[in-house]
PDB file of N, CA and C in Angstrom:
ATOM      1  N   MET A   1     -62.248-198.882 -36.558  1.00  0.00           N
ATOM      2  CA  MET A   1     -63.277-197.362 -35.983  1.00  0.00           C
ATOM      3  C   MET A   1     -64.043-197.590 -37.277  1.00  0.00           C
ATOM      4  N   LYS A   2     -63.932-197.570 -37.903  1.00  0.00           N
ATOM      5  CA  LYS A   2     -64.913-197.256 -39.207  1.00  0.00           C
ATOM      6  C   LYS A   2     -66.448-198.091 -39.227  1.00  0.00           C
ATOM      7  N   LYS A   3     -66.200-199.459 -38.444  1.00  0.00           N
ATOM      8  CA  LYS A   3     -67.030-200.372 -37.963  1.00  0.00           C
ATOM      9  C   LYS A   3     -68.501-200.222 -37.017  1.00  0.00           C
ATOM     10  N   ILE A   4     -67.439-198.882 -36.212  1.00  0.00           N
ATOM     11  CA  ILE A   4     -68.277-198.830 -35.126  1.00  0.00           C
ATOM     12  C   ILE A   4     -68.814-197.758 -35.552  1.00  0.00           C
ATOM     13  N   ILE A   5     -68.268-196.878 -36.869  1.00  0.00           N
ATOM     14  CA  ILE A   5     -69.308-195.434 -37.364  1.00  0.00           C
ATOM     15  C   ILE A   5     -70.148-195.826 -38.305  1.00  0.00           C
ATOM     16  N   VAL A   6     -70.330-196.796 -38.919  1.00  0.00           N
ATOM     17  CA  VAL A   6     -71.272-197.543 -39.526  1.00  0.00           C
ATOM     18  C   VAL A   6     -71.696-198.154 -38.403  1.00  0.00           C
ATOM     19  N   LYS A   7     -71.750-198.842 -37.552  1.00  0.00           N
ATOM     20  CA  LYS A   7     -72.721-199.422 -36.735  1.00  0.00           C
ATOM     21  C   LYS A   7     -73.663-198.415 -36.232  1.00  0.00           C
ATOM     22  N   THR A   8     -73.124-197.240 -35.467  1.00  0.00           N
ATOM     23  CA  THR A   8     -74.099-196.334 -35.190  1.00  0.00           C
ATOM     24  C   THR A   8     -74.721-195.768 -35.883  1.00  0.00           C
ATOM     25  N   ARG A   9     -73.999-195.385 -37.451  1.00  0.00           N
ATOM     26  CA  ARG A   9     -75.288-194.818 -38.385  1.00  0.00           C
ATOM     27  C   ARG A   9     -76.368-195.765 -38.897  1.00  0.00           C
ATOM     28  N   THR A  10     -76.452-196.648 -38.566  1.00  0.00           N
ATOM     29  CA  THR A  10     -77.302-197.422 -39.002  1.00  0.00           C
ATOM     30  C   THR A  10     -78.005-197.684 -37.659  1.00  0.00           C
ATOM     31  N   TYR A  11     -77.803-197.942 -36.588  1.00  0.00           N
ATOM     32  CA  TYR A  11     -78.800-197.196 -35.230  1.00  0.00           C
ATOM     33  C   TYR A  11     -79.386-196.458 -35.134  1.00  0.00           C
ATOM     34  N   LEU A  12     -78.768-195.437 -35.589  1.00  0.00           N
ATOM     35  CA  LEU A  12     -79.451-194.332 -35.235  1.00  0.00           C
ATOM     36  C   LEU A  12     -80.505-194.249 -36.592  1.00  0.00           C
ATOM     37  N   GLU A  13     -80.546-194.523 -38.034  1.00  0.00           N
ATOM     38  CA  GLU A  13     -81.555-194.863 -39.271  1.00  0.00           C
ATOM     39  C   GLU A  13     -82.520-195.673 -38.456  1.00  0.00           C
ATOM     40  N   GLU A  14     -82.062-196.461 -37.892  1.00  0.00           N
ATOM     41  CA  GLU A  14     -83.128-197.534 -37.659  1.00  0.00           C
ATOM     42  C   GLU A  14     -83.698-196.996 -36.151  1.00  0.00           C
ATOM     43  N   VAL A  15     -83.374-196.061 -35.550  1.00  0.00           N
ATOM     44  CA  VAL A  15     -84.160-195.174 -34.375  1.00  0.00           C
ATOM     45  C   VAL A  15     -85.236-194.483 -34.693  1.00  0.00           C
ATOM     46  N   ALA A  16     -84.573-193.291 -35.892  1.00  0.00           N
ATOM     47  CA  ALA A  16     -85.344-192.598 -36.824  1.00  0.00           C
ATOM     48  C   ALA A  16     -86.715-192.994 -37.766  1.00  0.00           C
ATOM     49  N   THR A  17     -86.686-194.246 -37.848  1.00  0.00           N
ATOM     50  CA  THR A  17     -87.281-195.289 -38.947  1.00  0.00           C
ATOM     51  C   THR A  17     -88.668-195.302 -38.061  1.00  0.00           C
ATOM     52  N   GLU A  18     -87.907-196.124 -36.552  1.00  0.00           N
ATOM     53  CA  GLU A  18     -89.619-196.691 -35.589  1.00  0.00           C
ATOM     54  C   GLU A  18     -89.455-195.271 -34.757  1.00  0.00           C
ATOM     55  N   MET A  19     -89.194-193.892 -34.681  1.00  0.00           N
ATOM     56  CA  MET A  19     -89.605-193.014 -34.651  1.00  0.00           C
ATOM     57  C   MET A  19     -91.408-192.409 -35.252  1.00  0.00           C
ATOM     58  N   ARG A  20     -90.682-192.527 -36.351  1.00  0.00           N
ATOM     59  CA  ARG A  20     -91.871-192.464 -37.795  1.00  0.00           C
ATOM     60  C   ARG A  20     -93.072-193.280 -37.172  1.00  0.00           C
ATOM     61  N   LYS A  21     -92.683-194.641 -36.813  1.00  0.00           N
ATOM     62  CA  LYS A  21     -93.995-195.600 -37.087  1.00  0.00           C
ATOM     63  C   LYS A  21     -94.997-195.049 -34.985  1.00  0.00           C
ATOM     64  N   ALA A  22     -94.335-194.552 -34.494  1.00  0.00           N
ATOM     65  CA  ALA A  22     -94.723-194.324 -32.823  1.00  0.00           C
ATOM     66  C   ALA A  22     -95.846-193.815 -33.080  1.00  0.00           C
ATOM     67  N   SER A  23     -96.984-193.963 -31.844  1.00  0.00           N
ATOM     68  CA  SER A  23     -98.153-193.132 -32.014  1.00  0.00           C
ATOM     69  C   SER A  23     -97.844-192.075 -31.020  1.00  0.00           C
ATOM     70  N   TRP A  24     -98.022-190.905 -31.195  1.00  0.00           N
ATOM     71  CA  TRP A  24     -97.569-189.898 -30.326  1.00  0.00           C
ATOM     72  C   TRP A  24     -98.956-189.116 -29.942  1.00  0.00           C
ATOM     73  N   PRO A  25     -99.119-188.649 -28.773  1.00  0.00           N
ATOM     74  CA  PRO A  25    -100.360-188.278 -27.756  1.00  0.00           C
ATOM     75  C   PRO A  25    -100.707-186.594 -28.606  1.00  0.00           C
ATOM     76  N   GLN A  26    -102.276-186.922 -28.404  1.00  0.00           N
ATOM     77  CA  GLN A  26    -102.718-185.476 -28.804  1.00  0.00           C
ATOM     78  C   GLN A  26    -102.688-184.576 -27.921  1.00  0.00           C
ATOM     79  N   ARG A  27    -102.458-183.064 -28.352  1.00  0.00           N
ATOM     80  CA  ARG A  27    -102.030-182.472 -27.127  1.00  0.00           C
ATOM     81  C   ARG A  27    -102.858-182.318 -26.095  1.00  0.00           C
ATOM     82  N   ARG A  28    -104.309-182.108 -26.155  1.00  0.00           N
ATOM     83  CA  ARG A  28    -105.227-182.117 -24.648  1.00  0.00           C
ATOM     84  C   ARG A  28    -104.694-183.581 -24.372  1.00  0.00           C
ATOM     85  N   GLU A  29    -104.759-184.800 -24.776  1.00  0.00           N
ATOM     86  CA  GLU A  29    -104.437-185.766 -24.045  1.00  0.00           C
ATOM     87  C   GLU A  29    -102.788-185.754 -22.875  1.00  0.00           C
ATOM     88  N   LEU A  30    -101.897-184.977 -24.136  1.00  0.00           N
ATOM     89  CA  LEU A  30    -100.000-184.656 -23.293  1.00  0.00           C
ATOM     90  C   LEU A  30    -100.771-184.281 -22.402  1.00  0.00           C
ATOM     91  N   ILE A  31    -101.331-183.010 -22.082  1.00  0.00           N
ATOM     92  CA  ILE A  31    -101.806-182.026 -20.791  1.00  0.00           C
ATOM     93  C   ILE A  31    -102.091-182.884 -19.634  1.00  0.00           C
ATOM     94  N   ASN A  32    -103.434-183.410 -20.203  1.00  0.00           N
ATOM     95  CA  ASN A  32    -104.066-184.097 -19.221  1.00  0.00           C
ATOM     96  C   ASN A  32    -103.304-185.250 -18.131  1.00  0.00           C
ATOM     97  N   HIS A  33    -102.852-186.137 -19.285  1.00  0.00           N
ATOM     98  CA  HIS A  33    -101.291-186.640 -18.695  1.00  0.00           C
ATOM     99  C   HIS A  33    -100.632-186.186 -17.587  1.00  0.00           C
ATOM    100  N   THR A  34    -100.030-184.686 -17.989  1.00  0.00           N
ATOM    101  CA  THR A  34     -99.267-183.966 -17.441  1.00  0.00           C
ATOM    102  C   THR A  34     -99.634-183.296 -16.106  1.00  0.00           C
ATOM    103  N   VAL A  35    -100.868-183.357 -15.768  1.00  0.00           N
ATOM    104  CA  VAL A  35    -101.499-182.732 -14.993  1.00  0.00           C
ATOM    105  C   VAL A  35    -101.330-183.695 -13.776  1.00  0.00           C
ATOM    106  N   ILE A  36    -102.105-184.886 -14.454  1.00  0.00           N
ATOM    107  CA  ILE A  36    -102.417-186.466 -13.565  1.00  0.00           C
ATOM    108  C   ILE A  36    -100.545-186.564 -13.097  1.00  0.00           C
ATOM    109  N   THR A  37     -99.541-186.605 -13.744  1.00  0.00           N
ATOM    110  CA  THR A  37     -98.066-186.826 -13.200  1.00  0.00           C
ATOM    111  C   THR A  37     -97.682-185.772 -12.018  1.00  0.00           C
ATOM    112  N   LEU A  38     -98.062-184.340 -12.075  1.00  0.00           N
ATOM    113  CA  LEU A  38     -97.419-183.275 -11.260  1.00  0.00           C
ATOM    114  C   LEU A  38     -99.074-183.586  -9.875  1.00  0.00           C
ATOM    115  N   VAL A  39     -99.767-183.729 -10.113  1.00  0.00           N
ATOM    116  CA  VAL A  39    -100.403-184.045  -9.128  1.00  0.00           C
ATOM    117  C   VAL A  39    -100.569-185.399  -8.279  1.00  0.00           C
ATOM    118  N   SER A  40    -100.229-186.284  -8.891  1.00  0.00           N
ATOM    119  CA  SER A  40     -99.921-187.592  -8.236  1.00  0.00           C
ATOM    120  C   SER A  40     -98.576-187.362  -7.339  1.00  0.00           C
ATOM    121  N   SER A  41     -97.257-186.649  -8.346  1.00  0.00           N
ATOM    122  CA  SER A  41     -96.273-186.459  -7.269  1.00  0.00           C
ATOM    123  C   SER A  41     -96.166-185.538  -5.668  1.00  0.00           C
ATOM    124  N   PHE A  42     -97.582-184.628  -6.036  1.00  0.00           N
ATOM    125  CA  PHE A  42     -97.441-183.216  -5.190  1.00  0.00           C
ATOM    126  C   PHE A  42     -98.252-184.328  -3.717  1.00  0.00           C
ATOM    127  N   VAL A  43     -99.027-185.079  -4.270  1.00  0.00           N
ATOM    128  CA  VAL A  43     -99.885-185.914  -3.366  1.00  0.00           C
ATOM    129  C   VAL A  43     -98.520-186.759  -2.737  1.00  0.00           C
ATOM    130  N   LEU A  44     -98.211-187.881  -3.146  1.00  0.00           N
ATOM    131  CA  LEU A  44     -97.210-188.107  -2.808  1.00  0.00           C
ATOM    132  C   LEU A  44     -95.718-187.679  -1.749  1.00  0.00           C
ATOM    133  N   ALA A  45     -95.305-186.465  -2.052  1.00  0.00           N
ATOM    134  CA  ALA A  45     -94.804-186.021  -1.488  1.00  0.00           C
ATOM    135  C   ALA A  45     -95.599-185.530  -0.259  1.00  0.00           C
ATOM    136  N   LEU A  46     -96.284-185.001  -0.240  1.00  0.00           N
ATOM    137  CA  LEU A  46     -97.393-184.330   1.022  1.00  0.00           C
ATOM    138  C   LEU A  46     -97.184-185.713   1.829  1.00  0.00           C
ATOM    139  N   PHE A  47     -97.646-187.342   1.332  1.00  0.00           N
ATOM    140  CA  PHE A  47     -97.449-188.244   2.283  1.00  0.00           C
ATOM    141  C   PHE A  47     -96.615-188.643   2.881  1.00  0.00           C
ATOM    142  N   ILE A  48     -95.397-188.311   2.298  1.00  0.00           N
ATOM    143  CA  ILE A  48     -93.733-188.599   2.456  1.00  0.00           C
ATOM    144  C   ILE A  48     -93.627-187.583   3.750  1.00  0.00           C
ATOM    145  N   PHE A  49     -93.704-186.810   3.329  1.00  0.00           N
ATOM    146  CA  PHE A  49     -93.805-185.130   4.272  1.00  0.00           C
ATOM    147  C   PHE A  49     -94.368-185.419   5.498  1.00  0.00           C
ATOM    148  N   GLY A  50     -95.494-186.096   5.362  1.00  0.00           N
ATOM    149  CA  GLY A  50     -96.771-186.574   6.958  1.00  0.00           C
ATOM    150  C   GLY A  50     -96.069-187.767   7.840  1.00  0.00           C
ATOM    151  N   ALA A  51     -95.328-188.696   6.820  1.00  0.00           N
ATOM    152  CA  ALA A  51     -95.314-189.736   7.720  1.00  0.00           C
ATOM    153  C   ALA A  51     -94.060-189.490   8.121  1.00  0.00           C
ATOM    154  N   ASP A  52     -92.704-188.431   7.275  1.00  0.00           N
ATOM    155  CA  ASP A  52     -91.265-188.443   8.418  1.00  0.00           C
ATOM    156  C   ASP A  52     -91.533-187.187   9.397  1.00  0.00           C
ATOM    157  N   ARG A  53     -92.714-186.247   9.253  1.00  0.00           N
ATOM    158  CA  ARG A  53     -92.888-185.782  10.533  1.00  0.00           C
ATOM    159  C   ARG A  53     -93.511-186.709  11.545  1.00  0.00           C
ATOM    160  N   VAL A  54     -94.366-187.404  11.303  1.00  0.00           N
ATOM    161  CA  VAL A  54     -95.080-188.388  12.484  1.00  0.00           C
ATOM    162  C   VAL A  54     -93.935-189.517  13.236  1.00  0.00           C
ATOM    163  N   ILE A  55     -92.607-189.679  12.212  1.00  0.00           N
ATOM    164  CA  ILE A  55     -91.716-191.080  12.950  1.00  0.00           C
ATOM    165  C   ILE A  55     -91.118-189.788  13.522  1.00  0.00           C
ATOM    166  N   SER A  56     -90.224-188.589  12.787  1.00  0.00           N
ATOM    167  CA  SER A  56     -89.579-187.716  14.072  1.00  0.00           C
ATOM    168  C   SER A  56     -90.195-187.476  14.759  1.00  0.00           C
ATOM    169  N   SER A  57     -91.370-186.784  14.794  1.00  0.00           N
ATOM    170  CA  SER A  57     -92.286-187.107  16.519  1.00  0.00           C
ATOM    171  C   SER A  57     -92.174-187.747  17.238  1.00  0.00           C
ATOM    172  N   ILE A  58     -92.486-189.145  17.174  1.00  0.00           N
ATOM    173  CA  ILE A  58     -92.233-190.509  17.436  1.00  0.00           C
ATOM    174  C   ILE A  58     -91.018-190.602  18.280  1.00  0.00           C
ATOM    175  N   LEU A  59     -89.571-190.652  17.251  1.00  0.00           N
ATOM    176  CA  LEU A  59     -88.420-190.430  17.727  1.00  0.00           C
ATOM    177  C   LEU A  59     -87.996-190.059  18.961  1.00  0.00           C
ATOM    178  N   ASP A  60     -88.700-187.834  18.549  1.00  0.00           N
ATOM    179  CA  ASP A  60     -88.177-187.468  19.365  1.00  0.00           C
ATOM    180  C   ASP A  60     -88.898-187.885  21.106  1.00  0.00           C
ATOM    181  N   VAL A  61     -90.385-188.575  20.629  1.00  0.00           N
ATOM    182  CA  VAL A  61     -90.604-188.806  22.460  1.00  0.00           C
ATOM    183  C   VAL A  61     -89.827-189.989  23.046  1.00  0.00           C
ATOM    184  N   ILE A  62     -89.635-190.685  21.926  1.00  0.00           N
ATOM    185  CA  ILE A  62     -88.748-192.439  21.918  1.00  0.00           C
ATOM    186  C   ILE A  62     -87.044-191.977  23.362  1.00  0.00           C
ATOM    187  N   TYR A  63     -86.264-191.328  22.216  1.00  0.00           N
ATOM    188  CA  TYR A  63     -85.360-190.391  22.360  1.00  0.00           C
ATOM    189  C   TYR A  63     -85.271-189.026  22.319  1.00  0.00           C
ATOM    190  N   PRO A  64     -85.390-188.256  23.774  1.00  0.00           N
ATOM    191  CA  PRO A  64     -85.542-187.137  23.892  1.00  0.00           C
ATOM    192  C   PRO A  64     -84.324-186.412  23.917  1.00  0.00           C
ATOM    193  N   GLY A  65     -83.885-184.919  23.981  1.00  0.00           N
ATOM    194  CA  GLY A  65     -82.941-184.215  23.909  1.00  0.00           C
ATOM    195  C   GLY A  65     -82.248-184.116  22.639  1.00  0.00           C
TER     196      GLY A  65
END
């Protein structure tokens, strides 16, 4: 049991060391990337919605009722 605790502690210390080495984005860059992600997600959602509506309409014609 003690071996697991020691390994876990060593792992967490190594993670902390690597996190300090990481290059973090500036605030403006982070905001820009967030906006791009949100807009892209919205566009993709609209595309999927549109495709679903078209496919549903086609299936309603093929299988009425």
